[in-house]
Amino acid sequence: KQKIGIVAAFMHQPDILLLDEPSSGLDPLMQNRLIALMEKVKAQ
């Protein structure tokens, strides 16, 4: 469910993201993928 929420937040490629405890419930692999996604968004 958390991953569905993440997709819903990111999928329209917004200029601003408000993420309240985005890693909650994610396993370490998915936490790392979320970090990589945030780093990509930041670079943009």
PDB file of all heavy atoms in Angstrom:
ATOM      1  N   LYS A   1       0.831  -1.206   0.000  1.00  0.00           N
ATOM      2  CA  LYS A   1       0.000   0.000   0.000  1.00  0.00           C
ATOM      3  C   LYS A   1       0.869   1.262   0.000  1.00  0.00           C
ATOM      4  O   LYS A   1       0.550   2.246  -0.676  1.00  0.00           O
ATOM      5  CB  LYS A   1      -0.926   0.013   1.218  1.00  0.00           C
ATOM      6  CG  LYS A   1      -2.051  -0.997   1.157  1.00  0.00           C
ATOM      7  CD  LYS A   1      -2.894  -0.942   2.428  1.00  0.00           C
ATOM      8  CE  LYS A   1      -4.023  -1.958   2.382  1.00  0.00           C
ATOM      9  NZ  LYS A   1      -4.830  -1.961   3.637  1.00  0.00           N
ATOM     10  N   GLN A   2       1.967   1.220   0.745  1.00  0.00           N
ATOM     11  CA  GLN A   2       2.866   2.374   0.782  1.00  0.00           C
ATOM     12  C   GLN A   2       3.450   2.651  -0.600  1.00  0.00           C
ATOM     13  O   GLN A   2       3.562   3.805  -1.022  1.00  0.00           O
ATOM     14  CB  GLN A   2       3.992   2.127   1.801  1.00  0.00           C
ATOM     15  CG  GLN A   2       4.882   3.333   2.066  1.00  0.00           C
ATOM     16  CD  GLN A   2       4.177   4.425   2.865  1.00  0.00           C
ATOM     17  OE1 GLN A   2       3.068   4.232   3.353  1.00  0.00           O
ATOM     18  NE2 GLN A   2       4.817   5.570   2.975  1.00  0.00           N
ATOM     19  N   LYS A   3       3.795   1.583  -1.305  1.00  0.00           N
ATOM     20  CA  LYS A   3       4.352   1.761  -2.656  1.00  0.00           C
ATOM     21  C   LYS A   3       3.315   2.339  -3.619  1.00  0.00           C
ATOM     22  O   LYS A   3       3.646   3.165  -4.479  1.00  0.00           O
ATOM     23  CB  LYS A   3       4.913   0.430  -3.169  1.00  0.00           C
ATOM     24  CG  LYS A   3       6.179  -0.009  -2.433  1.00  0.00           C
ATOM     25  CD  LYS A   3       6.886  -1.154  -3.116  1.00  0.00           C
ATOM     26  CE  LYS A   3       6.197  -2.468  -2.933  1.00  0.00           C
ATOM     27  NZ  LYS A   3       6.986  -3.593  -3.498  1.00  0.00           N
ATOM     28  N   ILE A   4       2.058   1.937  -3.472  1.00  0.00           N
ATOM     29  CA  ILE A   4       0.992   2.530  -4.287  1.00  0.00           C
ATOM     30  C   ILE A   4       0.887   4.032  -3.987  1.00  0.00           C
ATOM     31  O   ILE A   4       0.740   4.862  -4.900  1.00  0.00           O
ATOM     32  CB  ILE A   4      -0.362   1.829  -4.012  1.00  0.00           C
ATOM     33  CG1 ILE A   4      -0.349   0.398  -4.568  1.00  0.00           C
ATOM     34  CG2 ILE A   4      -1.521   2.636  -4.588  1.00  0.00           C
ATOM     35  CD1 ILE A   4      -0.394   0.305  -6.080  1.00  0.00           C
ATOM     36  N   GLY A   5       0.987   4.384  -2.701  1.00  0.00           N
ATOM     37  CA  GLY A   5       0.946   5.792  -2.317  1.00  0.00           C
ATOM     38  C   GLY A   5       2.100   6.585  -2.905  1.00  0.00           C
ATOM     39  O   GLY A   5       1.934   7.742  -3.320  1.00  0.00           O
ATOM     40  N   ILE A   6       3.283   5.976  -2.941  1.00  0.00           N
ATOM     41  CA  ILE A   6       4.463   6.639  -3.529  1.00  0.00           C
ATOM     42  C   ILE A   6       4.242   6.879  -5.016  1.00  0.00           C
ATOM     43  O   ILE A   6       4.512   7.967  -5.527  1.00  0.00           O
ATOM     44  CB  ILE A   6       5.725   5.788  -3.286  1.00  0.00           C
ATOM     45  CG1 ILE A   6       6.092   5.791  -1.794  1.00  0.00           C
ATOM     46  CG2 ILE A   6       6.902   6.321  -4.115  1.00  0.00           C
ATOM     47  CD1 ILE A   6       7.140   4.762  -1.417  1.00  0.00           C
ATOM     48  N   VAL A   7       3.745   5.859  -5.715  1.00  0.00           N
ATOM     49  CA  VAL A   7       3.475   6.012  -7.156  1.00  0.00           C
ATOM     50  C   VAL A   7       2.458   7.131  -7.382  1.00  0.00           C
ATOM     51  O   VAL A   7       2.625   7.974  -8.278  1.00  0.00           O
ATOM     52  CB  VAL A   7       2.974   4.689  -7.766  1.00  0.00           C
ATOM     53  CG1 VAL A   7       2.527   4.909  -9.215  1.00  0.00           C
ATOM     54  CG2 VAL A   7       4.072   3.629  -7.712  1.00  0.00           C
ATOM     55  N   ALA A   8       1.413   7.181  -6.556  1.00  0.00           N
ATOM     56  CA  ALA A   8       0.391   8.218  -6.702  1.00  0.00           C
ATOM     57  C   ALA A   8       0.990   9.615  -6.515  1.00  0.00           C
ATOM     58  O   ALA A   8       0.590  10.560  -7.192  1.00  0.00           O
ATOM     59  CB  ALA A   8      -0.731   7.985  -5.695  1.00  0.00           C
ATOM     60  N   ALA A   9       1.971   9.740  -5.608  1.00  0.00           N
ATOM     61  CA  ALA A   9       2.586  11.048  -5.347  1.00  0.00           C
ATOM     62  C   ALA A   9       3.508  11.492  -6.476  1.00  0.00           C
ATOM     63  O   ALA A   9       3.577  12.678  -6.810  1.00  0.00           O
ATOM     64  CB  ALA A   9       3.357  10.992  -4.029  1.00  0.00           C
ATOM     65  N   PHE A  10       4.204  10.529  -7.083  1.00  0.00           N
ATOM     66  CA  PHE A  10       5.238  10.863  -8.073  1.00  0.00           C
ATOM     67  C   PHE A  10       4.748  10.820  -9.521  1.00  0.00           C
ATOM     68  O   PHE A  10       5.379  11.403 -10.400  1.00  0.00           O
ATOM     69  CB  PHE A  10       6.418   9.891  -7.948  1.00  0.00           C
ATOM     70  CG  PHE A  10       7.376  10.198  -6.827  1.00  0.00           C
ATOM     71  CD1 PHE A  10       7.097   9.793  -5.533  1.00  0.00           C
ATOM     72  CD2 PHE A  10       8.569  10.875  -7.071  1.00  0.00           C
ATOM     73  CE1 PHE A  10       7.987  10.060  -4.492  1.00  0.00           C
ATOM     74  CE2 PHE A  10       9.462  11.140  -6.053  1.00  0.00           C
ATOM     75  CZ  PHE A  10       9.171  10.744  -4.756  1.00  0.00           C
ATOM     76  N   MET A  11       3.645  10.134  -9.812  1.00  0.00           N
ATOM     77  CA  MET A  11       3.349   9.739 -11.192  1.00  0.00           C
ATOM     78  C   MET A  11       3.018  10.899 -12.122  1.00  0.00           C
ATOM     79  O   MET A  11       3.183  10.788 -13.341  1.00  0.00           O
ATOM     80  CB  MET A  11       2.226   8.699 -11.226  1.00  0.00           C
ATOM     81  CG  MET A  11       0.866   9.202 -10.816  1.00  0.00           C
ATOM     82  SD  MET A  11      -0.339   7.844 -10.855  1.00  0.00           S
ATOM     83  CE  MET A  11      -1.859   8.738 -10.510  1.00  0.00           C
ATOM     84  N   HIS A  12       2.549  12.038 -11.582  1.00  0.00           N
ATOM     85  CA  HIS A  12       2.269  13.176 -12.459  1.00  0.00           C
ATOM     86  C   HIS A  12       3.461  14.130 -12.551  1.00  0.00           C
ATOM     87  O   HIS A  12       3.344  15.225 -13.085  1.00  0.00           O
ATOM     88  CB  HIS A  12       1.011  13.920 -12.002  1.00  0.00           C
ATOM     89  CG  HIS A  12       1.059  14.472 -10.605  1.00  0.00           C
ATOM     90  ND1 HIS A  12       1.386  13.697  -9.511  1.00  0.00           N
ATOM     91  CD2 HIS A  12       0.823  15.715 -10.123  1.00  0.00           C
ATOM     92  CE1 HIS A  12       1.339  14.447  -8.419  1.00  0.00           C
ATOM     93  NE2 HIS A  12       1.015  15.664  -8.760  1.00  0.00           N
ATOM     94  N   GLN A  13       4.620  13.663 -12.037  1.00  0.00           N
ATOM     95  CA  GLN A  13       5.890  14.394 -12.120  1.00  0.00           C
ATOM     96  C   GLN A  13       5.743  15.849 -11.656  1.00  0.00           C
ATOM     97  O   GLN A  13       6.055  16.793 -12.378  1.00  0.00           O
ATOM     98  CB  GLN A  13       6.439  14.326 -13.547  1.00  0.00           C
ATOM     99  CG  GLN A  13       6.755  12.901 -13.979  1.00  0.00           C
ATOM    100  CD  GLN A  13       7.294  12.789 -15.390  1.00  0.00           C
ATOM    101  OE1 GLN A  13       6.559  12.949 -16.363  1.00  0.00           O
ATOM    102  NE2 GLN A  13       8.595  12.536 -15.499  1.00  0.00           N
ATOM    103  N   PRO A  14       5.289  16.017 -10.405  1.00  0.00           N
ATOM    104  CA  PRO A  14       5.052  17.368  -9.889  1.00  0.00           C
ATOM    105  C   PRO A  14       6.354  18.111  -9.602  1.00  0.00           C
ATOM    106  O   PRO A  14       7.396  17.486  -9.372  1.00  0.00           O
ATOM    107  CB  PRO A  14       4.281  17.110  -8.596  1.00  0.00           C
ATOM    108  CG  PRO A  14       4.780  15.767  -8.144  1.00  0.00           C
ATOM    109  CD  PRO A  14       4.989  14.977  -9.402  1.00  0.00           C
ATOM    110  N   ASP A  15       6.280  19.429  -9.576  1.00  0.00           N
ATOM    111  CA  ASP A  15       7.451  20.247  -9.252  1.00  0.00           C
ATOM    112  C   ASP A  15       7.762  20.215  -7.767  1.00  0.00           C
ATOM    113  O   ASP A  15       8.892  20.493  -7.350  1.00  0.00           O
ATOM    114  CB  ASP A  15       7.213  21.706  -9.686  1.00  0.00           C
ATOM    115  CG  ASP A  15       7.148  21.848 -11.192  1.00  0.00           C
ATOM    116  OD1 ASP A  15       7.809  21.049 -11.887  1.00  0.00           O
ATOM    117  OD2 ASP A  15       6.429  22.740 -11.673  1.00  0.00           O
ATOM    118  N   ILE A  16       6.752  19.906  -6.938  1.00  0.00           N
ATOM    119  CA  ILE A  16       6.895  19.932  -5.484  1.00  0.00           C
ATOM    120  C   ILE A  16       6.332  18.636  -4.917  1.00  0.00           C
ATOM    121  O   ILE A  16       5.246  18.183  -5.309  1.00  0.00           O
ATOM    122  CB  ILE A  16       6.135  21.129  -4.873  1.00  0.00           C
ATOM    123  CG1 ILE A  16       6.655  22.446  -5.469  1.00  0.00           C
ATOM    124  CG2 ILE A  16       6.253  21.147  -3.361  1.00  0.00           C
ATOM    125  CD1 ILE A  16       5.636  23.533  -5.492  1.00  0.00           C
ATOM    126  N   LEU A  17       7.078  18.032  -3.989  1.00  0.00           N
ATOM    127  CA  LEU A  17       6.636  16.807  -3.325  1.00  0.00           C
ATOM    128  C   LEU A  17       6.636  17.009  -1.820  1.00  0.00           C
ATOM    129  O   LEU A  17       7.628  17.484  -1.246  1.00  0.00           O
ATOM    130  CB  LEU A  17       7.551  15.642  -3.694  1.00  0.00           C
ATOM    131  CG  LEU A  17       7.367  15.110  -5.120  1.00  0.00           C
ATOM    132  CD1 LEU A  17       8.681  14.665  -5.714  1.00  0.00           C
ATOM    133  CD2 LEU A  17       6.358  13.967  -5.139  1.00  0.00           C
ATOM    134  N   LEU A  18       5.534  16.647  -1.187  1.00  0.00           N
ATOM    135  CA  LEU A  18       5.414  16.645   0.266  1.00  0.00           C
ATOM    136  C   LEU A  18       5.281  15.187   0.693  1.00  0.00           C
ATOM    137  O   LEU A  18       4.257  14.553   0.439  1.00  0.00           O
ATOM    138  CB  LEU A  18       4.194  17.446   0.729  1.00  0.00           C
ATOM    139  CG  LEU A  18       4.067  18.880   0.218  1.00  0.00           C
ATOM    140  CD1 LEU A  18       2.783  19.521   0.756  1.00  0.00           C
ATOM    141  CD2 LEU A  18       5.281  19.713   0.616  1.00  0.00           C
ATOM    142  N   LEU A  19       6.330  14.649   1.303  1.00  0.00           N
ATOM    143  CA  LEU A  19       6.394  13.221   1.607  1.00  0.00           C
ATOM    144  C   LEU A  19       6.463  13.022   3.114  1.00  0.00           C
ATOM    145  O   LEU A  19       7.467  13.338   3.751  1.00  0.00           O
ATOM    146  CB  LEU A  19       7.613  12.592   0.924  1.00  0.00           C
ATOM    147  CG  LEU A  19       7.741  12.836  -0.589  1.00  0.00           C
ATOM    148  CD1 LEU A  19       9.039  12.227  -1.112  1.00  0.00           C
ATOM    149  CD2 LEU A  19       6.537  12.278  -1.334  1.00  0.00           C
ATOM    150  N   ASP A  20       5.402  12.473   3.681  1.00  0.00           N
ATOM    151  CA  ASP A  20       5.300  12.282   5.123  1.00  0.00           C
ATOM    152  C   ASP A  20       5.616  10.821   5.439  1.00  0.00           C
ATOM    153  O   ASP A  20       4.804   9.936   5.188  1.00  0.00           O
ATOM    154  CB  ASP A  20       3.898  12.657   5.585  1.00  0.00           C
ATOM    155  CG  ASP A  20       3.798  12.828   7.098  1.00  0.00           C
ATOM    156  OD1 ASP A  20       4.795  12.533   7.788  1.00  0.00           O
ATOM    157  OD2 ASP A  20       2.733  13.248   7.577  1.00  0.00           O
ATOM    158  N   GLU A  21       6.802  10.572   5.967  1.00  0.00           N
ATOM    159  CA  GLU A  21       7.277   9.220   6.294  1.00  0.00           C
ATOM    160  C   GLU A  21       7.156   8.281   5.086  1.00  0.00           C
ATOM    161  O   GLU A  21       6.501   7.232   5.159  1.00  0.00           O
ATOM    162  CB  GLU A  21       6.502   8.641   7.482  1.00  0.00           C
ATOM    163  CG  GLU A  21       6.565   9.472   8.750  1.00  0.00           C
ATOM    164  CD  GLU A  21       7.903   9.358   9.474  1.00  0.00           C
ATOM    165  OE1 GLU A  21       8.770   8.612   9.008  1.00  0.00           O
ATOM    166  OE2 GLU A  21       8.076  10.031  10.506  1.00  0.00           O
ATOM    167  N   PRO A  22       7.789   8.613   3.967  1.00  0.00           N
ATOM    168  CA  PRO A  22       7.599   7.809   2.746  1.00  0.00           C
ATOM    169  C   PRO A  22       8.146   6.394   2.832  1.00  0.00           C
ATOM    170  O   PRO A  22       7.699   5.520   2.084  1.00  0.00           O
ATOM    171  CB  PRO A  22       8.343   8.613   1.677  1.00  0.00           C
ATOM    172  CG  PRO A  22       9.373   9.399   2.429  1.00  0.00           C
ATOM    173  CD  PRO A  22       8.711   9.744   3.724  1.00  0.00           C
ATOM    174  N   SER A  23       9.121   6.137   3.714  1.00  0.00           N
ATOM    175  CA  SER A  23       9.720   4.796   3.802  1.00  0.00           C
ATOM    176  C   SER A  23       8.971   3.863   4.735  1.00  0.00           C
ATOM    177  O   SER A  23       9.356   2.708   4.894  1.00  0.00           O
ATOM    178  CB  SER A  23      11.175   4.902   4.267  1.00  0.00           C
ATOM    179  OG  SER A  23      11.958   5.529   3.283  1.00  0.00           O
ATOM    180  N   SER A  24       7.921   4.347   5.368  1.00  0.00           N
ATOM    181  CA  SER A  24       7.186   3.535   6.334  1.00  0.00           C
ATOM    182  C   SER A  24       6.677   2.251   5.694  1.00  0.00           C
ATOM    183  O   SER A  24       5.985   2.271   4.675  1.00  0.00           O
ATOM    184  CB  SER A  24       6.001   4.344   6.878  1.00  0.00           C
ATOM    185  OG  SER A  24       5.237   3.568   7.762  1.00  0.00           O
ATOM    186  N   GLY A  25       7.055   1.122   6.271  1.00  0.00           N
ATOM    187  CA  GLY A  25       6.591  -0.174   5.787  1.00  0.00           C
ATOM    188  C   GLY A  25       7.392  -0.768   4.649  1.00  0.00           C
ATOM    189  O   GLY A  25       7.112  -1.884   4.221  1.00  0.00           O
ATOM    190  N   LEU A  26       8.387  -0.035   4.135  1.00  0.00           N
ATOM    191  CA  LEU A  26       9.183  -0.545   3.015  1.00  0.00           C
ATOM    192  C   LEU A  26      10.341  -1.399   3.517  1.00  0.00           C
ATOM    193  O   LEU A  26      10.944  -1.095   4.557  1.00  0.00           O
ATOM    194  CB  LEU A  26       9.746   0.616   2.182  1.00  0.00           C
ATOM    195  CG  LEU A  26       8.755   1.552   1.507  1.00  0.00           C
ATOM    196  CD1 LEU A  26       9.519   2.562   0.648  1.00  0.00           C
ATOM    197  CD2 LEU A  26       7.743   0.791   0.666  1.00  0.00           C
ATOM    198  N   ASP A  27      10.694  -2.451   2.765  1.00  0.00           N
ATOM    199  CA  ASP A  27      11.872  -3.242   3.112  1.00  0.00           C
ATOM    200  C   ASP A  27      13.125  -2.481   2.655  1.00  0.00           C
ATOM    201  O   ASP A  27      13.025  -1.490   1.911  1.00  0.00           O
ATOM    202  CB  ASP A  27      11.803  -4.642   2.491  1.00  0.00           C
ATOM    203  CG  ASP A  27      11.760  -4.625   0.964  1.00  0.00           C
ATOM    204  OD1 ASP A  27      12.495  -3.829   0.345  1.00  0.00           O
ATOM    205  OD2 ASP A  27      11.001  -5.414   0.385  1.00  0.00           O
ATOM    206  N   PRO A  28      14.315  -2.900   3.103  1.00  0.00           N
ATOM    207  CA  PRO A  28      15.543  -2.138   2.782  1.00  0.00           C
ATOM    208  C   PRO A  28      15.779  -1.934   1.291  1.00  0.00           C
ATOM    209  O   PRO A  28      16.257  -0.875   0.883  1.00  0.00           O
ATOM    210  CB  PRO A  28      16.649  -2.990   3.417  1.00  0.00           C
ATOM    211  CG  PRO A  28      15.980  -3.683   4.557  1.00  0.00           C
ATOM    212  CD  PRO A  28      14.594  -3.976   4.082  1.00  0.00           C
ATOM    213  N   LEU A  29      15.451  -2.939   0.468  1.00  0.00           N
ATOM    214  CA  LEU A  29      15.645  -2.789  -0.982  1.00  0.00           C
ATOM    215  C   LEU A  29      14.778  -1.666  -1.532  1.00  0.00           C
ATOM    216  O   LEU A  29      15.250  -0.804  -2.302  1.00  0.00           O
ATOM    217  CB  LEU A  29      15.304  -4.100  -1.694  1.00  0.00           C
ATOM    218  CG  LEU A  29      15.323  -4.045  -3.228  1.00  0.00           C
ATOM    219  CD1 LEU A  29      16.711  -3.683  -3.756  1.00  0.00           C
ATOM    220  CD2 LEU A  29      14.853  -5.379  -3.820  1.00  0.00           C
ATOM    221  N   MET A  30      13.517  -1.632  -1.122  1.00  0.00           N
ATOM    222  CA  MET A  30      12.605  -0.603  -1.610  1.00  0.00           C
ATOM    223  C   MET A  30      12.940   0.765  -1.020  1.00  0.00           C
ATOM    224  O   MET A  30      12.741   1.796  -1.657  1.00  0.00           O
ATOM    225  CB  MET A  30      11.155  -0.986  -1.303  1.00  0.00           C
ATOM    226  CG  MET A  30      10.690  -2.181  -2.107  1.00  0.00           C
ATOM    227  SD  MET A  30      10.793  -1.870  -3.900  1.00  0.00           S
ATOM    228  CE  MET A  30      11.298  -3.465  -4.521  1.00  0.00           C
ATOM    229  N   GLN A  31      13.462   0.789   0.204  1.00  0.00           N
ATOM    230  CA  GLN A  31      13.930   2.051   0.779  1.00  0.00           C
ATOM    231  C   GLN A  31      15.041   2.638  -0.085  1.00  0.00           C
ATOM    232  O   GLN A  31      15.052   3.847  -0.370  1.00  0.00           O
ATOM    233  CB  GLN A  31      14.435   1.834   2.208  1.00  0.00           C
ATOM    234  CG  GLN A  31      13.341   1.585   3.229  1.00  0.00           C
ATOM    235  CD  GLN A  31      13.898   1.293   4.610  1.00  0.00           C
ATOM    236  OE1 GLN A  31      15.075   1.506   4.877  1.00  0.00           O
ATOM    237  NE2 GLN A  31      13.053   0.805   5.495  1.00  0.00           N
ATOM    238  N   ASN A  32      15.968   1.788  -0.508  1.00  0.00           N
ATOM    239  CA  ASN A  32      17.066   2.263  -1.356  1.00  0.00           C
ATOM    240  C   ASN A  32      16.551   2.751  -2.709  1.00  0.00           C
ATOM    241  O   ASN A  32      17.069   3.735  -3.263  1.00  0.00           O
ATOM    242  CB  ASN A  32      18.100   1.146  -1.549  1.00  0.00           C
ATOM    243  CG  ASN A  32      18.923   0.893  -0.308  1.00  0.00           C
ATOM    244  OD1 ASN A  32      19.079   1.780   0.537  1.00  0.00           O
ATOM    245  ND2 ASN A  32      19.454  -0.306  -0.166  1.00  0.00           N
ATOM    246  N   ARG A  33      15.548   2.073  -3.242  1.00  0.00           N
ATOM    247  CA  ARG A  33      14.986   2.513  -4.522  1.00  0.00           C
ATOM    248  C   ARG A  33      14.278   3.860  -4.374  1.00  0.00           C
ATOM    249  O   ARG A  33      14.343   4.705  -5.271  1.00  0.00           O
ATOM    250  CB  ARG A  33      14.029   1.448  -5.069  1.00  0.00           C
ATOM    251  CG  ARG A  33      14.770   0.209  -5.534  1.00  0.00           C
ATOM    252  CD  ARG A  33      13.905  -0.706  -6.362  1.00  0.00           C
ATOM    253  NE  ARG A  33      14.657  -1.907  -6.731  1.00  0.00           N
ATOM    254  CZ  ARG A  33      14.174  -2.908  -7.439  1.00  0.00           C
ATOM    255  NH1 ARG A  33      12.917  -2.851  -7.883  1.00  0.00           N
ATOM    256  NH2 ARG A  33      14.918  -3.957  -7.723  1.00  0.00           N
ATOM    257  N   LEU A  34      13.613   4.048  -3.241  1.00  0.00           N
ATOM    258  CA  LEU A  34      12.960   5.336  -2.999  1.00  0.00           C
ATOM    259  C   LEU A  34      13.995   6.453  -2.880  1.00  0.00           C
ATOM    260  O   LEU A  34      13.815   7.541  -3.438  1.00  0.00           O
ATOM    261  CB  LEU A  34      12.108   5.265  -1.732  1.00  0.00           C
ATOM    262  CG  LEU A  34      11.470   6.581  -1.289  1.00  0.00           C
ATOM    263  CD1 LEU A  34      10.528   7.129  -2.365  1.00  0.00           C
ATOM    264  CD2 LEU A  34      10.730   6.401   0.036  1.00  0.00           C
ATOM    265  N   ILE A  35      15.091   6.186  -2.175  1.00  0.00           N
ATOM    266  CA  ILE A  35      16.163   7.172  -2.043  1.00  0.00           C
ATOM    267  C   ILE A  35      16.718   7.536  -3.418  1.00  0.00           C
ATOM    268  O   ILE A  35      16.924   8.722  -3.733  1.00  0.00           O
ATOM    269  CB  ILE A  35      17.277   6.650  -1.121  1.00  0.00           C
ATOM    270  CG1 ILE A  35      16.790   6.615   0.335  1.00  0.00           C
ATOM    271  CG2 ILE A  35      18.542   7.517  -1.229  1.00  0.00           C
ATOM    272  CD1 ILE A  35      17.728   5.909   1.287  1.00  0.00           C
ATOM    273  N   ALA A  36      16.932   6.524  -4.260  1.00  0.00           N
ATOM    274  CA  ALA A  36      17.446   6.774  -5.609  1.00  0.00           C
ATOM    275  C   ALA A  36      16.456   7.611  -6.420  1.00  0.00           C
ATOM    276  O   ALA A  36      16.861   8.508  -7.184  1.00  0.00           O
ATOM    277  CB  ALA A  36      17.718   5.445  -6.315  1.00  0.00           C
ATOM    278  N   LEU A  37      15.165   7.355  -6.261  1.00  0.00           N
ATOM    279  CA  LEU A  37      14.143   8.129  -6.968  1.00  0.00           C
ATOM    280  C   LEU A  37      14.157   9.581  -6.498  1.00  0.00           C
ATOM    281  O   LEU A  37      14.075  10.507  -7.322  1.00  0.00           O
ATOM    282  CB  LEU A  37      12.762   7.506  -6.743  1.00  0.00           C
ATOM    283  CG  LEU A  37      11.577   8.219  -7.396  1.00  0.00           C
ATOM    284  CD1 LEU A  37      11.743   8.274  -8.916  1.00  0.00           C
ATOM    285  CD2 LEU A  37      10.262   7.536  -7.020  1.00  0.00           C
ATOM    286  N   MET A  38      14.271   9.799  -5.194  1.00  0.00           N
ATOM    287  CA  MET A  38      14.307  11.169  -4.670  1.00  0.00           C
ATOM    288  C   MET A  38      15.558  11.905  -5.144  1.00  0.00           C
ATOM    289  O   MET A  38      15.515  13.102  -5.455  1.00  0.00           O
ATOM    290  CB  MET A  38      14.223  11.159  -3.140  1.00  0.00           C
ATOM    291  CG  MET A  38      12.843  10.802  -2.621  1.00  0.00           C
ATOM    292  SD  MET A  38      12.647  11.096  -0.839  1.00  0.00           S
ATOM    293  CE  MET A  38      13.684   9.788  -0.173  1.00  0.00           C
ATOM    294  N   GLU A  39      16.685  11.191  -5.217  1.00  0.00           N
ATOM    295  CA  GLU A  39      17.919  11.816  -5.716  1.00  0.00           C
ATOM    296  C   GLU A  39      17.763  12.222  -7.192  1.00  0.00           C
ATOM    297  O   GLU A  39      18.244  13.284  -7.604  1.00  0.00           O
ATOM    298  CB  GLU A  39      19.098  10.855  -5.549  1.00  0.00           C
ATOM    299  CG  GLU A  39      19.526  10.679  -4.097  1.00  0.00           C
ATOM    300  CD  GLU A  39      20.618   9.636  -3.918  1.00  0.00           C
ATOM    301  OE1 GLU A  39      20.695   8.703  -4.764  1.00  0.00           O
ATOM    302  OE2 GLU A  39      21.386   9.743  -2.960  1.00  0.00           O
ATOM    303  N   LYS A  40      17.066  11.400  -7.962  1.00  0.00           N
ATOM    304  CA  LYS A  40      16.814  11.708  -9.373  1.00  0.00           C
ATOM    305  C   LYS A  40      15.923  12.939  -9.498  1.00  0.00           C
ATOM    306  O   LYS A  40      16.177  13.844 -10.317  1.00  0.00           O
ATOM    307  CB  LYS A  40      16.159  10.503 -10.057  1.00  0.00           C
ATOM    308  CG  LYS A  40      15.881  10.697 -11.537  1.00  0.00           C
ATOM    309  CD  LYS A  40      15.246   9.449 -12.136  1.00  0.00           C
ATOM    310  CE  LYS A  40      14.933   9.638 -13.614  1.00  0.00           C
ATOM    311  NZ  LYS A  40      14.296   8.419 -14.195  1.00  0.00           N
ATOM    312  N   VAL A  41      14.878  12.989  -8.697  1.00  0.00           N
ATOM    313  CA  VAL A  41      13.956  14.131  -8.702  1.00  0.00           C
ATOM    314  C   VAL A  41      14.683  15.407  -8.297  1.00  0.00           C
ATOM    315  O   VAL A  41      14.491  16.473  -8.899  1.00  0.00           O
ATOM    316  CB  VAL A  41      12.766  13.846  -7.759  1.00  0.00           C
ATOM    317  CG1 VAL A  41      11.989  15.110  -7.449  1.00  0.00           C
ATOM    318  CG2 VAL A  41      11.844  12.801  -8.377  1.00  0.00           C
ATOM    319  N   LYS A  42      15.531  15.293  -7.289  1.00  0.00           N
ATOM    320  CA  LYS A  42      16.324  16.447  -6.842  1.00  0.00           C
ATOM    321  C   LYS A  42      17.228  16.952  -7.971  1.00  0.00           C
ATOM    322  O   LYS A  42      17.352  18.174  -8.192  1.00  0.00           O
ATOM    323  CB  LYS A  42      17.158  16.046  -5.630  1.00  0.00           C
ATOM    324  CG  LYS A  42      18.098  17.123  -5.120  1.00  0.00           C
ATOM    325  CD  LYS A  42      18.910  16.612  -3.937  1.00  0.00           C
ATOM    326  CE  LYS A  42      19.924  17.632  -3.477  1.00  0.00           C
ATOM    327  NZ  LYS A  42      20.702  17.142  -2.324  1.00  0.00           N
ATOM    328  N   ALA A  43      17.859  16.033  -8.695  1.00  0.00           N
ATOM    329  CA  ALA A  43      18.759  16.414  -9.799  1.00  0.00           C
ATOM    330  C   ALA A  43      18.006  17.126 -10.913  1.00  0.00           C
ATOM    331  O   ALA A  43      18.599  17.907 -11.672  1.00  0.00           O
ATOM    332  CB  ALA A  43      19.464  15.176 -10.344  1.00  0.00           C
ATOM    333  N   GLN A  44      16.707  16.891 -11.002  1.00  0.00           N
ATOM    334  CA  GLN A  44      15.876  17.550 -12.008  1.00  0.00           C
ATOM    335  C   GLN A  44      15.423  18.938 -11.565  1.00  0.00           C
ATOM    336  O   GLN A  44      14.710  19.620 -12.306  1.00  0.00           O
ATOM    337  CB  GLN A  44      14.658  16.676 -12.325  1.00  0.00           C
ATOM    338  CG  GLN A  44      15.011  15.354 -13.008  1.00  0.00           C
ATOM    339  CD  GLN A  44      13.844  14.381 -13.047  1.00  0.00           C
ATOM    340  OE1 GLN A  44      12.830  14.556 -12.368  1.00  0.00           O
ATOM    341  NE2 GLN A  44      13.978  13.330 -13.855  1.00  0.00           N
TER     342      GLN A  44
END
